[in-house]
Amino acid sequence: MEKAGIREAEMRASLQSGERIQHFMVVRREAGEDVEYVVYLRVSWRAGYHVLLFAHHEKERRFRTFEAVQQFAARFDYLGPMVVYRAGDSALARFKGVLVGDGGTVGPGPGRRPRSPPSSPDADEPPDGE
């Protein structure tokens, strides 16, 4: 099953043609003492959220620090808010496109993450104030 992800090259091409990043959502994954961050994007040229993928793989791109996530966003001139959720947060089930392993309803995702039951897989907007 192919993930509904997005690659940097697609982002660059779409942004150059006038499209835009509508929202950055970040999931903080923890495994013991290890922490990593995964980016989900809502973009104007596709519905729902899309996990950022590596250029030549179907694996999600992972960042070791939140600062690295911010630097990535800056490369695309994204100045909007970034909401950060912990993996497994039940709120993530509301967002269309979030991987099951992170708390969403799409694909298998990383196996070491807690699973949350889906409540509304069609939600696209984070709640106000988040």
Protein backbone atom coordinates (compact mmCIF):
# COMPACT_ATOMS: atom_id res chain seq x y z
CA MET A 1 0.00 0.00 0.00
CA GLU A 2 1.51 3.35 -1.05
CA LYS A 3 1.40 6.09 1.55
CA ALA A 4 -0.38 9.31 0.67
CA GLY A 5 2.84 11.20 1.23
CA ILE A 6 4.56 14.13 -0.38
CA ARG A 7 8.14 14.61 -1.49
CA GLU A 8 10.25 17.77 -1.46
CA ALA A 9 10.51 17.83 -5.28
CA GLU A 10 6.72 17.83 -5.63
CA MET A 11 6.51 20.62 -3.06
CA ARG A 12 9.05 22.77 -4.91
CA ALA A 13 7.37 22.30 -8.29
CA SER A 14 3.90 23.00 -6.91
CA LEU A 15 5.00 26.07 -4.96
CA GLN A 16 6.78 27.45 -8.03
CA SER A 17 3.54 27.11 -9.99
CA GLY A 18 1.64 29.21 -7.44
CA GLU A 19 0.33 26.60 -5.00
CA ARG A 20 0.92 26.95 -1.27
CA ILE A 21 1.48 25.12 2.00
CA GLN A 22 -1.65 25.63 4.09
CA HIS A 23 -0.55 24.01 7.33
CA PHE A 24 2.42 22.29 8.96
CA MET A 25 1.56 19.64 11.54
CA VAL A 26 4.36 17.92 13.43
CA VAL A 27 4.20 14.60 15.28
CA ARG A 28 6.75 13.96 18.02
CA ARG A 29 7.60 10.27 18.23
CA GLU A 30 9.30 8.86 21.31
CA ALA A 31 10.87 5.43 21.72
CA GLY A 32 12.68 5.19 25.01
CA GLU A 33 15.08 8.11 25.10
CA ASP A 34 15.00 8.57 21.32
CA VAL A 35 12.87 11.39 19.92
CA GLU A 36 12.09 12.13 16.30
CA TYR A 37 9.74 14.50 14.50
CA VAL A 38 7.63 13.72 11.45
CA VAL A 39 6.01 16.45 9.34
CA TYR A 40 2.50 16.32 7.89
CA LEU A 41 1.55 18.99 5.38
CA ARG A 42 -1.79 20.25 4.19
CA VAL A 43 -1.27 21.78 0.78
CA SER A 44 -3.48 23.65 -1.69
CA TRP A 45 -3.08 21.11 -4.52
CA ARG A 46 -4.24 17.99 -2.60
CA ALA A 47 -6.89 17.21 0.01
CA GLY A 48 -6.02 16.13 3.55
CA TYR A 49 -2.66 15.90 5.28
CA HIS A 50 0.37 14.24 3.69
CA VAL A 51 3.39 12.89 5.51
CA LEU A 52 6.70 14.18 4.20
CA LEU A 53 8.54 11.33 2.46
CA PHE A 54 12.17 10.76 1.56
CA ALA A 55 12.98 11.54 -2.07
CA HIS A 56 13.42 7.95 -3.28
CA HIS A 57 11.59 5.88 -0.67
CA GLU A 58 8.10 5.31 0.64
CA LYS A 59 9.37 5.99 4.18
CA GLU A 60 8.48 9.12 6.05
CA ARG A 61 11.24 11.67 6.53
CA ARG A 62 12.24 11.98 10.18
CA PHE A 63 13.93 14.89 11.89
CA ARG A 64 16.04 14.49 15.05
CA THR A 65 15.28 17.96 16.41
CA PHE A 66 12.41 20.43 16.25
CA GLU A 67 14.94 23.04 15.14
CA ALA A 68 15.59 20.94 12.01
CA VAL A 69 11.83 20.95 11.31
CA GLN A 70 11.80 24.74 11.60
CA GLN A 71 14.78 25.02 9.25
CA PHE A 72 13.00 22.80 6.73
CA ALA A 73 9.88 25.02 6.91
CA ALA A 74 12.02 28.14 6.44
CA ARG A 75 13.49 26.72 3.21
CA PHE A 76 9.96 26.87 1.81
CA ASP A 77 9.24 30.33 3.27
CA TYR A 78 6.53 28.86 5.51
CA LEU A 79 5.76 31.41 8.23
CA GLY A 80 2.49 30.00 9.56
CA PRO A 81 1.84 28.06 12.76
CA MET A 82 3.22 24.59 13.45
CA VAL A 83 1.12 22.43 15.71
CA VAL A 84 3.05 19.67 17.52
CA TYR A 85 1.29 16.51 18.70
CA ARG A 86 2.75 13.52 20.51
CA ALA A 87 2.40 10.27 18.55
CA GLY A 88 -0.70 8.44 19.70
CA ASP A 89 -2.64 11.59 20.64
CA SER A 90 -6.30 10.77 20.05
CA ALA A 91 -6.76 14.18 18.37
CA LEU A 92 -4.70 12.93 15.39
CA ALA A 93 -7.44 10.49 14.36
CA ARG A 94 -9.51 13.47 13.20
CA PHE A 95 -7.04 14.45 10.48
CA LYS A 96 -7.33 12.75 7.10
CA GLY A 97 -3.93 11.39 6.06
CA VAL A 98 -2.24 10.77 9.42
CA LEU A 99 -0.59 7.34 9.66
CA VAL A 100 -2.08 4.75 12.03
CA GLY A 101 1.23 4.44 13.85
CA ASP A 102 1.05 8.13 14.74
CA GLY A 103 -2.58 7.99 15.86
CA GLY A 104 -4.36 8.43 12.53
CA THR A 105 -6.19 6.12 10.13
CA VAL A 106 -3.91 5.74 7.05
CA GLY A 107 -1.59 2.81 6.30
CA PRO A 108 0.46 0.86 8.82
CA GLY A 109 2.92 3.61 9.79
CA PRO A 110 5.73 2.87 12.24
CA GLY A 111 5.02 -0.25 14.25
CA ARG A 112 6.24 1.01 17.61
CA ARG A 113 3.58 3.70 18.04
CA PRO A 114 0.44 3.40 20.15
CA ARG A 115 -2.82 3.11 18.23
CA SER A 116 -5.83 5.31 18.87
CA PRO A 117 -9.36 4.57 17.62
CA PRO A 118 -10.46 6.79 14.72
CA SER A 119 -13.24 9.27 15.42
CA SER A 120 -13.60 11.38 12.26
CA PRO A 121 -11.14 10.59 9.44
CA ASP A 122 -12.43 13.46 7.26
CA ALA A 123 -11.29 16.31 9.49
CA ASP A 124 -8.73 18.58 7.89
CA GLU A 125 -8.47 21.46 10.34
CA PRO A 126 -6.73 21.37 13.72
CA PRO A 127 -8.93 22.67 16.53
CA ASP A 128 -8.76 26.39 17.30
CA GLY A 129 -5.92 27.34 19.59
CA GLU A 130 -3.77 24.37 18.64
